């Protein structure tokens, strides 16, 4: 029982370290791509729950209308990114589904 608990603690600490590293990397990339835009960057928790798939992150740094650029990898320059236009925001995913008040 104790070894399982220690193993879980070790796994959790590795995941936290990975998250901190990801946050710092994302902050550096955003600041490098848009110099002078950010004074403070707040990064919410991003957790990759499937270790066999790449983590994909959507970062929105402007007010609507939004310009969405698709990057192939972390090191792709902004000039090589593809602009996805028009980009339609899925409003249904932002609002909770209405409850049906039926008997």
Protein backbone atom coordinates (compact mmCIF):
# COMPACT_ATOMS: atom_id res chain seq x y z
CA UNK A 1 0.00 0.00 0.00
CA UNK A 2 2.76 2.44 0.91
CA UNK A 3 4.73 1.73 -2.27
CA UNK A 4 1.61 2.43 -4.35
CA UNK A 5 1.13 5.73 -2.56
CA UNK A 6 4.79 6.66 -3.11
CA UNK A 7 4.47 5.72 -6.78
CA UNK A 8 1.40 7.94 -7.14
CA UNK A 9 3.19 10.83 -5.42
CA UNK A 10 6.16 10.40 -7.74
CA UNK A 11 3.93 10.32 -10.82
CA UNK A 12 2.03 13.40 -9.66
CA UNK A 13 5.22 15.34 -8.99
CA UNK A 14 6.50 14.48 -12.49
CA UNK A 15 3.20 15.64 -14.01
CA UNK A 16 3.33 18.90 -12.06
CA UNK A 17 6.93 19.47 -13.17
CA UNK A 18 5.90 18.79 -16.79
CA UNK A 19 3.01 21.26 -16.49
CA UNK A 20 5.28 23.97 -15.09
CA UNK A 21 7.74 23.37 -17.92
CA UNK A 22 4.92 23.51 -20.50
CA UNK A 23 3.59 26.75 -19.00
CA UNK A 24 7.02 28.38 -19.08
CA UNK A 25 7.62 27.22 -22.67
CA UNK A 26 4.22 28.48 -23.81
CA UNK A 27 4.83 31.83 -22.13
CA UNK A 28 8.22 32.20 -23.86
CA UNK A 29 6.74 31.29 -27.25
CA UNK A 30 3.87 33.75 -26.92
CA UNK A 31 6.15 36.57 -25.82
CA UNK A 32 8.55 35.83 -28.69
CA UNK A 33 5.78 35.75 -31.30
CA UNK A 34 4.14 39.00 -30.20
CA UNK A 35 6.75 41.22 -28.55
CA UNK A 36 5.46 44.04 -26.40
CA UNK A 37 1.91 42.71 -26.26
CA UNK A 38 2.05 40.97 -22.91
CA UNK A 39 2.87 42.42 -19.54
CA UNK A 40 1.40 39.43 -17.71
CA UNK A 41 0.40 36.09 -19.17
CA UNK A 42 -2.00 33.94 -17.21
CA UNK A 43 -1.88 30.30 -18.23
CA UNK A 44 -4.67 28.04 -17.10
CA UNK A 45 -4.05 24.41 -16.27
CA UNK A 46 -3.46 22.30 -19.37
CA UNK A 47 -3.28 18.57 -18.77
CA UNK A 48 -2.54 15.90 -21.35
CA UNK A 49 -4.49 12.86 -20.17
CA UNK A 50 -3.38 10.64 -23.05
CA UNK A 51 0.35 10.04 -23.10
CA UNK A 52 0.13 8.54 -26.61
CA UNK A 53 -1.27 11.68 -28.27
CA UNK A 54 0.15 15.17 -28.73
CA UNK A 55 -1.23 17.94 -26.58
CA UNK A 56 -3.04 20.58 -28.62
CA UNK A 57 -3.64 24.02 -27.17
CA UNK A 58 -5.83 26.84 -28.49
CA UNK A 59 -4.62 30.23 -27.27
CA UNK A 60 -6.76 33.27 -27.99
CA UNK A 61 -5.00 36.59 -27.48
CA UNK A 62 -7.37 39.00 -29.18
CA UNK A 63 -10.95 40.11 -29.10
CA UNK A 64 -13.39 38.95 -31.79
CA UNK A 65 -13.00 38.75 -34.71
CA UNK A 66 -10.36 36.20 -33.91
CA UNK A 67 -7.53 35.29 -36.25
CA UNK A 68 -6.56 31.66 -35.73
CA UNK A 69 -3.16 30.52 -36.96
CA UNK A 70 -2.36 26.81 -37.27
CA UNK A 71 1.20 25.81 -36.35
CA UNK A 72 2.63 22.42 -37.31
CA UNK A 73 4.97 22.33 -34.31
CA UNK A 74 6.33 24.50 -31.50
CA UNK A 75 9.27 25.77 -33.56
CA UNK A 76 7.39 26.87 -36.69
CA UNK A 77 7.82 30.61 -37.34
CA UNK A 78 4.70 32.77 -37.40
CA UNK A 79 5.25 33.63 -41.06
CA UNK A 80 4.89 29.93 -41.95
CA UNK A 81 1.70 29.39 -39.92
CA UNK A 82 -1.56 28.96 -41.83
CA UNK A 83 -4.41 31.39 -41.18
CA UNK A 84 -7.71 29.60 -40.65
CA UNK A 85 -10.30 32.02 -41.96
CA UNK A 86 -13.15 32.37 -41.41
CA UNK A 87 -13.15 30.85 -37.92
CA UNK A 88 -16.59 30.25 -36.47
CA UNK A 89 -16.79 30.10 -32.69
CA UNK A 90 -18.92 27.23 -31.45
CA UNK A 91 -21.19 29.11 -29.06
CA UNK A 92 -23.00 25.96 -28.04
CA UNK A 93 -19.93 24.61 -26.26
CA UNK A 94 -19.65 27.77 -24.15
CA UNK A 95 -23.19 27.67 -22.79
CA UNK A 96 -24.70 24.90 -20.66
CA UNK A 97 -27.48 22.93 -22.29
CA UNK A 98 -30.94 24.14 -21.23
CA UNK A 99 -32.71 21.84 -18.84
CA UNK A 100 -35.93 20.34 -20.09
CA UNK A 101 -38.67 21.00 -17.61
CA UNK A 102 -41.01 18.21 -18.63
CA UNK A 103 -42.87 15.61 -16.68
